[in-house]
């Protein structure tokens, strides 16, 4: 598990994409590993969807958001990163 963590952390520090939260640093203390992630100001997708409920997003906005997500995932996949837990949070 630790080797996978180190490998993913090494790859993560090299990712640079406008729609991917940056991994700034890693640390280890008392056999516990930590990731220092970029702070992103703004609302999550879940918050946007909840604000609009019960209405749906306009089609053009839904397409714009979906394309950004797909672009970010494609970038990560090209760099050997496969996110296994994508959430709107």
Protein backbone atom coordinates (compact mmCIF):
# COMPACT_ATOMS: atom_id res chain seq x y z
CA UNK A 1 0.00 0.00 0.00
CA UNK A 2 2.81 2.41 0.90
CA UNK A 3 4.58 1.84 -2.41
CA UNK A 4 1.37 2.60 -4.32
CA UNK A 5 0.92 5.76 -2.22
CA UNK A 6 4.47 6.90 -3.02
CA UNK A 7 4.02 6.21 -6.74
CA UNK A 8 0.69 8.03 -6.92
CA UNK A 9 2.07 10.95 -4.91
CA UNK A 10 5.05 11.24 -7.27
CA UNK A 11 2.78 11.28 -10.31
CA UNK A 12 0.34 13.64 -8.60
CA UNK A 13 2.95 16.32 -7.97
CA UNK A 14 3.65 16.44 -11.73
CA UNK A 15 0.04 16.91 -12.82
CA UNK A 16 -0.78 20.40 -14.04
CA UNK A 17 -4.26 20.89 -15.49
CA UNK A 18 -6.79 23.69 -14.86
CA UNK A 19 -9.49 21.19 -13.87
CA UNK A 20 -7.38 18.94 -11.64
CA UNK A 21 -6.72 19.81 -8.00
CA UNK A 22 -2.97 20.03 -7.59
CA UNK A 23 -1.02 17.91 -5.15
CA UNK A 24 1.40 20.37 -3.57
CA UNK A 25 3.34 18.16 -1.21
CA UNK A 26 3.40 14.91 0.69
CA UNK A 27 4.51 14.20 4.22
CA UNK A 28 4.80 11.33 6.63
CA UNK A 29 4.55 11.45 10.39
CA UNK A 30 4.49 8.48 12.75
CA UNK A 31 3.86 6.02 9.90
CA UNK A 32 0.93 8.09 8.58
CA UNK A 33 1.07 9.61 5.11
CA UNK A 34 -0.40 13.01 4.29
CA UNK A 35 -1.21 14.75 1.03
CA UNK A 36 -1.15 18.54 0.88
CA UNK A 37 -3.66 19.56 -1.77
CA UNK A 38 -4.32 22.89 -3.46
CA UNK A 39 -7.17 24.87 -1.87
CA UNK A 40 -9.88 25.56 -4.41
CA UNK A 41 -12.27 28.38 -3.65
CA UNK A 42 -15.80 28.15 -4.94
CA UNK A 43 -18.74 25.81 -4.99
CA UNK A 44 -18.73 22.09 -5.58
CA UNK A 45 -20.81 20.53 -8.32
CA UNK A 46 -23.08 19.10 -5.62
CA UNK A 47 -23.68 22.61 -4.23
CA UNK A 48 -24.51 23.95 -7.69
CA UNK A 49 -26.96 21.10 -8.29
CA UNK A 50 -28.57 21.51 -4.86
CA UNK A 51 -28.99 25.27 -5.38
CA UNK A 52 -30.87 24.61 -8.61
CA UNK A 53 -33.03 21.79 -7.27
CA UNK A 54 -35.63 20.82 -8.19
CA UNK A 55 -34.70 22.42 -11.55
CA UNK A 56 -32.09 20.87 -13.80
CA UNK A 57 -29.00 22.55 -15.18
CA UNK A 58 -29.49 24.21 -18.56
CA UNK A 59 -28.22 21.88 -21.30
CA UNK A 60 -25.37 24.20 -22.34
CA UNK A 61 -24.11 24.45 -18.75
CA UNK A 62 -24.37 20.68 -18.22
CA UNK A 63 -22.39 20.09 -21.43
CA UNK A 64 -19.72 22.64 -20.42
CA UNK A 65 -19.26 21.01 -17.01
CA UNK A 66 -19.25 17.49 -18.45
CA UNK A 67 -16.61 18.42 -21.04
CA UNK A 68 -14.38 19.90 -18.31
CA UNK A 69 -14.70 16.70 -16.27
CA UNK A 70 -13.95 14.51 -19.30
CA UNK A 71 -10.95 16.66 -20.24
CA UNK A 72 -9.53 16.42 -16.71
CA UNK A 73 -10.05 12.65 -16.56
CA UNK A 74 -8.45 12.15 -19.97
CA UNK A 75 -5.44 14.21 -18.84
CA UNK A 76 -5.09 12.12 -15.68
CA UNK A 77 -5.41 8.86 -17.60
CA UNK A 78 -2.70 10.00 -20.04
CA UNK A 79 -0.42 10.47 -17.01
CA UNK A 80 -1.19 7.11 -15.42
CA UNK A 81 -3.65 8.38 -12.80
CA UNK A 82 -6.99 6.59 -12.57
CA UNK A 83 -9.38 8.15 -10.06
CA UNK A 84 -11.53 5.49 -8.44
CA UNK A 85 -13.92 7.66 -6.48
CA UNK A 86 -15.25 10.63 -8.43
CA UNK A 87 -17.92 12.56 -6.54
CA UNK A 88 -19.66 15.92 -7.07
CA UNK A 89 -18.23 17.16 -3.79
